[in-house]
């Protein structure tokens, strides 16, 4: 019952924040769109999932547009999974981030789907993980706002043999 109440509260928070398509800015207040939400990262789950404190509500956030190899105990360990989790921890662990949703704010598991920017420097974390070879692109419509940019970064990482592209057989 407590979990259902927390989930309902989280949905209300997202809806009050403007819910759907929020614009990702460069971190400056001038281009932060109304409804852009900041949160503190409580825990890095793996390479593409974090748990944040969003205005007092604990939210599980799944990064949009990319996928990292599995490293959680519930799934078989995949090549470069631990390394991707470590990089995500290095990038956002304990930090403040800006979360921006796309067309669909949640997945079938109830996770908040977001583009993540690190504060205060505005690093686009989703893109940085793909660029470094820690993640592959994952396009799931309708959340494809940055799909072209992510594909271009993946091509460059693959060509350079960065990260999983050099360490794992694909």
N, C-alpha and C. Protein backbone atom coordinates (compact mmCIF):
# COMPACT_ATOMS: atom_id res chain seq x y z
N UNK A 1 0.82 -1.18 0.00
CA UNK A 1 0.00 0.00 0.00
C UNK A 1 0.88 1.26 0.00
N UNK A 2 1.95 1.25 0.84
CA UNK A 2 2.85 2.40 0.90
C UNK A 2 3.48 2.67 -0.46
N UNK A 3 3.86 1.60 -1.14
CA UNK A 3 4.48 1.73 -2.47
C UNK A 3 3.51 2.37 -3.45
N UNK A 4 2.23 1.97 -3.41
CA UNK A 4 1.22 2.53 -4.29
C UNK A 4 1.02 4.02 -4.01
N UNK A 5 1.01 4.39 -2.74
CA UNK A 5 0.86 5.79 -2.37
C UNK A 5 2.05 6.60 -2.87
N UNK A 6 3.27 6.06 -2.70
CA UNK A 6 4.47 6.76 -3.19
C UNK A 6 4.44 6.91 -4.70
N UNK A 7 4.02 5.87 -5.41
CA UNK A 7 3.93 5.94 -6.86
C UNK A 7 2.91 6.99 -7.28
N UNK A 8 1.76 7.01 -6.62
CA UNK A 8 0.73 8.01 -6.94
C UNK A 8 1.26 9.42 -6.68
N UNK A 9 1.97 9.60 -5.57
CA UNK A 9 2.55 10.91 -5.26
C UNK A 9 3.56 11.32 -6.33
N UNK A 10 4.35 10.36 -6.78
CA UNK A 10 5.35 10.65 -7.80
C UNK A 10 4.68 11.07 -9.10
N UNK A 11 3.60 10.41 -9.47
CA UNK A 11 2.87 10.77 -10.69
C UNK A 11 2.33 12.19 -10.57
N UNK A 12 1.79 12.52 -9.42
CA UNK A 12 1.26 13.88 -9.20
C UNK A 12 2.39 14.90 -9.33
N UNK A 13 3.56 14.61 -8.75
CA UNK A 13 4.70 15.53 -8.85
C UNK A 13 5.06 15.76 -10.31
N UNK A 14 5.13 14.69 -11.09
CA UNK A 14 5.50 14.82 -12.50
C UNK A 14 4.44 15.61 -13.25
N UNK A 15 3.17 15.33 -12.99
CA UNK A 15 2.11 16.06 -13.68
C UNK A 15 2.12 17.54 -13.30
N UNK A 16 2.32 17.84 -12.04
CA UNK A 16 2.39 19.24 -11.62
C UNK A 16 3.59 19.96 -12.21
N UNK A 17 4.64 19.20 -12.50
CA UNK A 17 5.85 19.79 -13.07
C UNK A 17 5.72 20.04 -14.56
N UNK A 18 4.63 19.66 -15.14
CA UNK A 18 4.48 19.86 -16.58
C UNK A 18 4.56 18.55 -17.32
N UNK A 19 4.82 17.45 -16.58
CA UNK A 19 4.73 16.11 -17.10
C UNK A 19 5.57 15.80 -18.30
N UNK A 20 5.12 16.11 -19.46
CA UNK A 20 5.71 15.61 -20.69
C UNK A 20 6.97 16.29 -21.13
N UNK A 21 6.93 16.85 -22.31
CA UNK A 21 8.15 17.34 -22.95
C UNK A 21 8.65 18.61 -22.28
N UNK A 22 9.72 18.47 -21.55
CA UNK A 22 10.39 19.61 -20.97
C UNK A 22 11.68 19.81 -21.73
N UNK A 23 12.07 21.05 -21.95
CA UNK A 23 13.25 21.33 -22.73
C UNK A 23 14.51 21.20 -21.89
N UNK A 24 15.53 20.57 -22.43
CA UNK A 24 16.81 20.46 -21.74
C UNK A 24 17.60 21.71 -22.05
N UNK A 25 18.04 22.40 -21.01
CA UNK A 25 18.85 23.59 -21.21
C UNK A 25 20.31 23.26 -20.96
N UNK A 26 21.13 24.28 -21.01
CA UNK A 26 22.55 24.07 -20.77
C UNK A 26 22.89 24.26 -19.29
N UNK A 27 21.85 24.33 -18.46
CA UNK A 27 22.07 24.48 -17.04
C UNK A 27 21.92 25.91 -16.57
N UNK A 28 21.89 26.87 -17.49
CA UNK A 28 21.73 28.27 -17.09
C UNK A 28 20.26 28.54 -16.83
N UNK A 29 19.98 29.48 -15.93
CA UNK A 29 18.59 29.76 -15.59
C UNK A 29 17.85 30.37 -16.77
N UNK A 30 18.54 31.02 -17.69
CA UNK A 30 17.88 31.64 -18.83
C UNK A 30 17.27 30.62 -19.76
N UNK A 31 17.87 29.43 -19.88
CA UNK A 31 17.24 28.52 -20.82
C UNK A 31 16.66 27.29 -20.15
N UNK A 32 16.45 27.35 -18.86
CA UNK A 32 15.73 26.29 -18.18
C UNK A 32 14.24 26.51 -18.43
N UNK A 33 13.58 25.52 -19.00
CA UNK A 33 12.17 25.65 -19.32
C UNK A 33 11.34 25.55 -18.05
N UNK A 34 10.17 26.18 -18.05
CA UNK A 34 9.28 26.01 -16.91
C UNK A 34 9.00 24.52 -16.71
N UNK A 35 9.09 24.06 -15.46
CA UNK A 35 8.82 22.66 -15.20
C UNK A 35 10.05 21.78 -15.20
N UNK A 36 11.20 22.29 -15.62
CA UNK A 36 12.44 21.51 -15.54
C UNK A 36 12.68 21.20 -14.08
N UNK A 37 12.98 19.92 -13.78
CA UNK A 37 13.10 19.50 -12.39
C UNK A 37 14.52 19.14 -12.04
N UNK A 38 14.95 19.58 -10.88
CA UNK A 38 16.25 19.16 -10.38
C UNK A 38 16.02 18.18 -9.24
N UNK A 39 16.99 17.29 -9.08
CA UNK A 39 16.90 16.26 -8.04
C UNK A 39 18.30 15.92 -7.57
N UNK A 40 18.38 15.34 -6.38
CA UNK A 40 19.67 14.87 -5.87
C UNK A 40 19.74 13.36 -6.06
N UNK A 41 20.85 12.90 -6.61
CA UNK A 41 21.04 11.47 -6.83
C UNK A 41 21.34 10.82 -5.48
N UNK A 42 20.47 9.90 -5.08
CA UNK A 42 20.66 9.16 -3.84
C UNK A 42 21.52 7.93 -4.06
N UNK A 43 21.31 7.28 -5.22
CA UNK A 43 22.04 6.04 -5.49
C UNK A 43 22.08 5.78 -6.98
N UNK A 44 23.21 5.29 -7.44
CA UNK A 44 23.34 4.82 -8.82
C UNK A 44 23.04 3.32 -8.79
N UNK A 45 22.04 2.90 -9.54
CA UNK A 45 21.64 1.50 -9.58
C UNK A 45 22.55 0.73 -10.52
N UNK A 46 22.75 1.30 -11.71
CA UNK A 46 23.62 0.69 -12.72
C UNK A 46 23.99 1.78 -13.72
N UNK A 47 24.39 1.39 -14.92
CA UNK A 47 24.86 2.37 -15.89
C UNK A 47 23.80 3.29 -16.46
N UNK A 48 22.53 2.89 -16.39
CA UNK A 48 21.48 3.71 -16.99
C UNK A 48 20.28 3.96 -16.07
N UNK A 49 20.45 3.70 -14.79
CA UNK A 49 19.36 3.89 -13.84
C UNK A 49 19.90 4.49 -12.54
N UNK A 50 19.19 5.48 -12.03
CA UNK A 50 19.54 6.11 -10.76
C UNK A 50 18.30 6.22 -9.89
N UNK A 51 18.51 6.41 -8.60
CA UNK A 51 17.43 6.73 -7.69
C UNK A 51 17.71 8.13 -7.19
N UNK A 52 16.68 8.99 -7.29
CA UNK A 52 16.85 10.39 -6.92
C UNK A 52 15.83 10.79 -5.86
N UNK A 53 16.15 11.87 -5.18
CA UNK A 53 15.20 12.53 -4.30
C UNK A 53 14.66 13.71 -5.10
N UNK A 54 13.41 13.63 -5.50
CA UNK A 54 12.75 14.66 -6.29
C UNK A 54 11.71 15.33 -5.41
N UNK A 55 12.09 16.44 -4.81
CA UNK A 55 11.19 17.17 -3.91
C UNK A 55 10.61 16.28 -2.82
N UNK A 56 11.47 15.47 -2.20
CA UNK A 56 11.05 14.61 -1.10
C UNK A 56 10.46 13.28 -1.52
N UNK A 57 10.34 13.05 -2.83
CA UNK A 57 9.83 11.78 -3.33
C UNK A 57 10.99 10.99 -3.93
N UNK A 58 11.11 9.75 -3.52
CA UNK A 58 12.18 8.90 -4.05
C UNK A 58 11.73 8.33 -5.39
N UNK A 59 12.47 8.64 -6.44
CA UNK A 59 12.12 8.22 -7.80
C UNK A 59 13.22 7.36 -8.41
N UNK A 60 12.84 6.29 -9.09
CA UNK A 60 13.76 5.49 -9.90
C UNK A 60 13.70 6.09 -11.30
N UNK A 61 14.87 6.51 -11.80
CA UNK A 61 14.95 7.19 -13.10
C UNK A 61 15.75 6.33 -14.07
N UNK A 62 15.16 6.06 -15.24
CA UNK A 62 15.82 5.33 -16.31
C UNK A 62 16.18 6.33 -17.39
N UNK A 63 17.46 6.35 -17.79
CA UNK A 63 17.92 7.28 -18.82
C UNK A 63 17.27 6.95 -20.16
N UNK A 64 16.87 7.99 -20.88
CA UNK A 64 16.25 7.83 -22.20
C UNK A 64 17.33 7.75 -23.28
N UNK A 65 17.07 6.92 -24.30
CA UNK A 65 17.86 6.94 -25.53
C UNK A 65 19.13 6.13 -25.53
N UNK A 66 19.42 5.45 -24.43
CA UNK A 66 20.64 4.67 -24.36
C UNK A 66 20.46 3.50 -23.42
N UNK A 67 21.35 2.53 -23.55
CA UNK A 67 21.27 1.32 -22.75
C UNK A 67 22.68 0.87 -22.42
N UNK A 68 22.90 0.51 -21.17
CA UNK A 68 24.22 0.02 -20.77
C UNK A 68 24.14 -1.47 -20.49
N UNK A 69 25.27 -2.15 -20.56
CA UNK A 69 25.28 -3.59 -20.25
C UNK A 69 24.82 -3.82 -18.81
N UNK A 70 24.16 -4.95 -18.59
CA UNK A 70 23.62 -5.28 -17.27
C UNK A 70 24.72 -5.53 -16.24
N UNK A 71 24.45 -5.07 -15.00
CA UNK A 71 25.40 -5.31 -13.92
C UNK A 71 24.71 -5.57 -12.59
N UNK A 72 23.38 -5.56 -12.58
CA UNK A 72 22.65 -5.77 -11.32
C UNK A 72 22.49 -7.26 -11.07
N UNK A 73 22.42 -7.67 -9.80
CA UNK A 73 22.35 -9.10 -9.47
C UNK A 73 21.16 -9.85 -10.07
N UNK A 74 20.05 -9.17 -10.34
CA UNK A 74 18.86 -9.83 -10.88
C UNK A 74 19.04 -10.28 -12.34
N UNK A 75 20.06 -9.75 -13.01
CA UNK A 75 20.29 -10.03 -14.43
C UNK A 75 21.67 -10.66 -14.62
N UNK A 76 21.85 -11.44 -15.69
CA UNK A 76 23.19 -11.96 -15.97
C UNK A 76 24.15 -10.80 -16.25
N UNK A 77 25.34 -10.86 -15.69
CA UNK A 77 26.35 -9.83 -15.90
C UNK A 77 26.76 -9.81 -17.36
N UNK A 78 26.78 -8.62 -17.96
CA UNK A 78 27.20 -8.46 -19.34
C UNK A 78 28.54 -7.74 -19.39
N UNK A 79 29.27 -7.99 -20.47
CA UNK A 79 30.58 -7.37 -20.66
C UNK A 79 30.45 -5.85 -20.53
N UNK A 80 31.28 -5.26 -19.72
CA UNK A 80 31.40 -3.83 -19.47
C UNK A 80 30.30 -3.28 -18.55
N UNK A 81 29.46 -4.16 -18.00
CA UNK A 81 28.38 -3.72 -17.12
C UNK A 81 28.89 -3.00 -15.88
N UNK A 82 29.87 -3.62 -15.19
CA UNK A 82 30.39 -2.98 -13.98
C UNK A 82 31.08 -1.66 -14.32
N UNK A 83 31.79 -1.63 -15.43
CA UNK A 83 32.50 -0.41 -15.82
C UNK A 83 31.51 0.72 -16.13
N UNK A 84 30.39 0.40 -16.80
CA UNK A 84 29.37 1.41 -17.10
C UNK A 84 28.75 1.94 -15.82
N UNK A 85 28.48 1.05 -14.86
CA UNK A 85 27.93 1.49 -13.57
C UNK A 85 28.91 2.40 -12.85
N UNK A 86 30.19 2.04 -12.87
CA UNK A 86 31.21 2.86 -12.22
C UNK A 86 31.28 4.25 -12.86
N UNK A 87 31.17 4.30 -14.17
CA UNK A 87 31.22 5.61 -14.85
C UNK A 87 30.01 6.45 -14.50
N UNK A 88 28.84 5.84 -14.45
CA UNK A 88 27.64 6.58 -14.07
C UNK A 88 27.79 7.11 -12.63
N UNK A 89 28.34 6.29 -11.75
CA UNK A 89 28.60 6.72 -10.37
C UNK A 89 29.56 7.91 -10.35
N UNK A 90 30.61 7.83 -11.15
CA UNK A 90 31.58 8.92 -11.22
C UNK A 90 30.93 10.21 -11.71
N UNK A 91 30.05 10.08 -12.68
CA UNK A 91 29.42 11.26 -13.29
C UNK A 91 28.37 11.90 -12.39
N UNK A 92 27.53 11.09 -11.72
CA UNK A 92 26.38 11.68 -11.03
C UNK A 92 26.22 11.28 -9.56
N UNK A 93 26.99 10.35 -9.06
CA UNK A 93 26.81 9.88 -7.69
C UNK A 93 26.81 11.01 -6.67
N UNK A 94 25.72 11.13 -5.92
CA UNK A 94 25.61 12.15 -4.89
C UNK A 94 25.44 13.57 -5.40
N UNK A 95 25.33 13.73 -6.69
CA UNK A 95 25.26 15.07 -7.30
C UNK A 95 23.81 15.52 -7.50
N UNK A 96 23.66 16.77 -7.85
CA UNK A 96 22.37 17.30 -8.27
C UNK A 96 22.30 17.21 -9.78
N UNK A 97 21.14 16.79 -10.28
CA UNK A 97 20.93 16.63 -11.71
C UNK A 97 19.63 17.30 -12.12
N UNK A 98 19.55 17.66 -13.38
CA UNK A 98 18.31 18.16 -13.96
C UNK A 98 17.71 17.04 -14.78
N UNK A 99 16.44 16.76 -14.55
CA UNK A 99 15.73 15.68 -15.24
C UNK A 99 14.74 16.30 -16.22
N UNK A 100 14.74 15.79 -17.44
CA UNK A 100 13.83 16.26 -18.47
C UNK A 100 13.17 15.06 -19.12
N UNK A 101 11.85 15.05 -19.12
CA UNK A 101 11.13 13.95 -19.75
C UNK A 101 10.92 14.26 -21.23
N UNK A 102 10.46 13.24 -21.95
CA UNK A 102 10.13 13.40 -23.37
C UNK A 102 8.62 13.19 -23.49
N UNK A 103 8.16 12.57 -24.55
CA UNK A 103 6.72 12.38 -24.78
C UNK A 103 6.07 11.47 -23.74
N UNK A 104 6.70 10.36 -23.41
CA UNK A 104 6.18 9.45 -22.39
C UNK A 104 7.06 9.56 -21.16
N UNK A 105 6.50 10.06 -20.05
CA UNK A 105 7.32 10.28 -18.87
C UNK A 105 7.65 9.02 -18.07
N UNK A 106 6.94 7.92 -18.28
CA UNK A 106 7.19 6.69 -17.51
C UNK A 106 7.19 5.47 -18.41
N UNK A 107 7.94 4.45 -17.97
CA UNK A 107 7.93 3.19 -18.70
C UNK A 107 6.94 2.22 -18.05
N UNK A 108 6.84 1.03 -18.58
CA UNK A 108 5.86 0.06 -18.09
C UNK A 108 6.16 -0.41 -16.67
N UNK A 109 7.37 -0.15 -16.18
CA UNK A 109 7.74 -0.52 -14.82
C UNK A 109 7.52 0.63 -13.84
N UNK A 110 7.01 1.76 -14.32
CA UNK A 110 6.74 2.91 -13.47
C UNK A 110 7.94 3.82 -13.25
N UNK A 111 9.06 3.52 -13.91
CA UNK A 111 10.25 4.36 -13.75
C UNK A 111 10.06 5.67 -14.51
N UNK A 112 10.56 6.74 -13.93
CA UNK A 112 10.58 8.03 -14.62
C UNK A 112 11.64 7.94 -15.72
N UNK A 113 11.28 8.30 -16.93
CA UNK A 113 12.19 8.28 -18.07
C UNK A 113 12.70 9.70 -18.26
N UNK A 114 14.03 9.86 -18.33
CA UNK A 114 14.55 11.23 -18.37
C UNK A 114 15.86 11.35 -19.11
N UNK A 115 16.05 12.55 -19.66
CA UNK A 115 17.36 13.01 -20.10
C UNK A 115 17.96 13.65 -18.85
N UNK A 116 19.20 13.35 -18.57
CA UNK A 116 19.81 13.77 -17.32
C UNK A 116 20.98 14.70 -17.59
N UNK A 117 20.95 15.85 -16.95
CA UNK A 117 22.07 16.80 -17.02
C UNK A 117 22.62 16.98 -15.62
N UNK A 118 23.94 16.96 -15.53
CA UNK A 118 24.61 17.14 -14.24
C UNK A 118 24.72 18.63 -13.94
N UNK A 119 24.47 18.98 -12.70
CA UNK A 119 24.63 20.36 -12.25
C UNK A 119 25.96 20.48 -11.52
N UNK A 120 26.63 21.60 -11.54
CA UNK A 120 26.22 22.84 -12.20
C UNK A 120 26.76 22.98 -13.61
N UNK A 121 27.53 22.00 -14.11
CA UNK A 121 28.19 22.18 -15.41
C UNK A 121 27.32 21.84 -16.62
N UNK A 122 26.15 21.24 -16.42
CA UNK A 122 25.24 20.95 -17.52
C UNK A 122 25.63 19.76 -18.38
N UNK A 123 26.59 18.93 -17.93
CA UNK A 123 26.99 17.77 -18.72
C UNK A 123 25.76 16.91 -19.04
N UNK A 124 25.57 16.60 -20.30
CA UNK A 124 24.45 15.76 -20.76
C UNK A 124 24.88 14.31 -20.55
N UNK A 125 24.46 13.72 -19.44
CA UNK A 125 24.94 12.43 -18.99
C UNK A 125 24.60 11.31 -19.97
N UNK A 126 23.37 11.28 -20.49
CA UNK A 126 22.99 10.24 -21.45
C UNK A 126 23.99 10.22 -22.61
N UNK A 127 24.24 11.38 -23.18
CA UNK A 127 25.13 11.50 -24.32
C UNK A 127 26.58 11.16 -23.95
N UNK A 128 27.02 11.59 -22.77
CA UNK A 128 28.39 11.33 -22.33
C UNK A 128 28.65 9.83 -22.20
N UNK A 129 27.66 9.08 -21.72
CA UNK A 129 27.83 7.63 -21.58
C UNK A 129 27.93 6.95 -22.95
N UNK A 130 27.14 7.41 -23.91
CA UNK A 130 27.23 6.87 -25.27
C UNK A 130 28.57 7.26 -25.89
N UNK A 131 28.95 8.52 -25.77
CA UNK A 131 30.19 9.03 -26.36
C UNK A 131 31.41 8.27 -25.82
N UNK A 132 31.40 7.92 -24.54
CA UNK A 132 32.53 7.23 -23.93
C UNK A 132 32.56 5.74 -24.19
N UNK A 133 31.54 5.22 -24.88
CA UNK A 133 31.49 3.79 -25.15
C UNK A 133 30.99 2.97 -23.97
N UNK A 134 30.28 3.60 -23.04
CA UNK A 134 29.72 2.90 -21.89
C UNK A 134 28.30 2.43 -22.17
N UNK A 135 27.71 2.91 -23.28
CA UNK A 135 26.31 2.63 -23.60
C UNK A 135 26.13 2.53 -25.11
N UNK A 136 25.08 1.81 -25.48
CA UNK A 136 24.64 1.77 -26.87
C UNK A 136 23.36 2.61 -26.96
N UNK A 137 22.99 2.99 -28.16
CA UNK A 137 21.75 3.74 -28.32
C UNK A 137 20.57 2.80 -28.20
N UNK A 138 19.47 3.36 -27.75
CA UNK A 138 18.22 2.60 -27.61
C UNK A 138 17.09 3.56 -27.95
N UNK A 139 16.47 3.34 -29.10
CA UNK A 139 15.38 4.22 -29.53
C UNK A 139 14.05 3.53 -29.27
N UNK A 140 13.26 4.14 -28.40
CA UNK A 140 11.91 3.65 -28.13
C UNK A 140 10.97 4.81 -28.32
N UNK A 141 10.21 4.76 -29.40
CA UNK A 141 9.25 5.82 -29.69
C UNK A 141 8.18 5.86 -28.62
N UNK A 142 7.72 7.04 -28.29
CA UNK A 142 7.95 8.33 -28.93
C UNK A 142 9.11 9.13 -28.33
N UNK A 143 9.87 8.55 -27.41
CA UNK A 143 10.94 9.30 -26.73
C UNK A 143 12.24 9.25 -27.53
N UNK A 144 12.29 10.03 -28.60
CA UNK A 144 13.45 9.97 -29.51
C UNK A 144 14.01 11.36 -29.83
N UNK A 145 13.81 12.31 -28.95
CA UNK A 145 14.23 13.69 -29.20
C UNK A 145 15.71 13.81 -29.58
N UNK A 146 16.59 13.05 -28.95
CA UNK A 146 18.02 13.15 -29.20
C UNK A 146 18.59 11.91 -29.90
N UNK A 147 17.73 11.12 -30.52
CA UNK A 147 18.16 9.87 -31.15
C UNK A 147 19.26 10.08 -32.18
N UNK A 148 19.14 11.09 -33.01
CA UNK A 148 20.15 11.35 -34.04
C UNK A 148 21.51 11.68 -33.44
N UNK A 149 21.51 12.51 -32.41
CA UNK A 149 22.77 12.87 -31.75
C UNK A 149 23.40 11.65 -31.09
N UNK A 150 22.57 10.83 -30.44
CA UNK A 150 23.10 9.64 -29.77
C UNK A 150 23.67 8.65 -30.80
N UNK A 151 22.98 8.48 -31.93
CA UNK A 151 23.50 7.57 -32.98
C UNK A 151 24.85 8.05 -33.49
N UNK A 152 24.98 9.36 -33.70
CA UNK A 152 26.26 9.91 -34.19
C UNK A 152 27.38 9.67 -33.18
N UNK A 153 27.10 9.86 -31.88
CA UNK A 153 28.11 9.63 -30.85
C UNK A 153 28.47 8.14 -30.75
N UNK A 154 27.48 7.27 -30.93
CA UNK A 154 27.76 5.84 -30.90
C UNK A 154 28.66 5.43 -32.06
N UNK A 155 28.40 5.97 -33.25
CA UNK A 155 29.25 5.66 -34.42
C UNK A 155 30.70 6.06 -34.16
N UNK A 156 30.89 7.25 -33.57
CA UNK A 156 32.25 7.71 -33.28
C UNK A 156 32.92 6.81 -32.24
N UNK A 157 32.20 6.45 -31.19
CA UNK A 157 32.78 5.59 -30.14
C UNK A 157 33.13 4.22 -30.70
N UNK A 158 32.26 3.68 -31.53
CA UNK A 158 32.51 2.37 -32.14
C UNK A 158 33.73 2.42 -33.03
N UNK A 159 33.81 3.46 -33.87
CA UNK A 159 34.94 3.60 -34.80
C UNK A 159 36.27 3.75 -34.05
N UNK A 160 36.22 4.41 -32.89
CA UNK A 160 37.44 4.63 -32.11
C UNK A 160 37.75 3.47 -31.16
N UNK A 161 36.83 2.49 -31.08
CA UNK A 161 37.02 1.36 -30.18
C UNK A 161 36.97 1.76 -28.71
N UNK A 162 36.21 2.82 -28.40
CA UNK A 162 36.11 3.28 -27.02
C UNK A 162 35.20 2.38 -26.20
N UNK A 163 35.58 2.19 -24.94
CA UNK A 163 34.71 1.49 -23.99
C UNK A 163 34.37 0.09 -24.40
N UNK A 164 33.09 -0.23 -24.36
CA UNK A 164 32.65 -1.59 -24.68
C UNK A 164 32.96 -1.98 -26.10
N UNK A 165 33.10 -1.00 -26.99
CA UNK A 165 33.38 -1.30 -28.40
C UNK A 165 34.78 -1.88 -28.58
N UNK A 166 35.67 -1.61 -27.66
CA UNK A 166 37.01 -2.19 -27.72
C UNK A 166 37.17 -3.38 -26.80
N UNK A 167 36.35 -3.44 -25.75
CA UNK A 167 36.53 -4.46 -24.72
C UNK A 167 35.64 -5.69 -24.92
N UNK A 168 34.56 -5.55 -25.65
CA UNK A 168 33.57 -6.63 -25.74
C UNK A 168 33.36 -7.04 -27.19
N UNK A 169 33.08 -8.29 -27.38
CA UNK A 169 32.73 -8.77 -28.74
C UNK A 169 31.31 -8.40 -29.01
N UNK A 170 31.07 -7.69 -30.07
CA UNK A 170 29.71 -7.25 -30.46
C UNK A 170 29.45 -7.69 -31.86
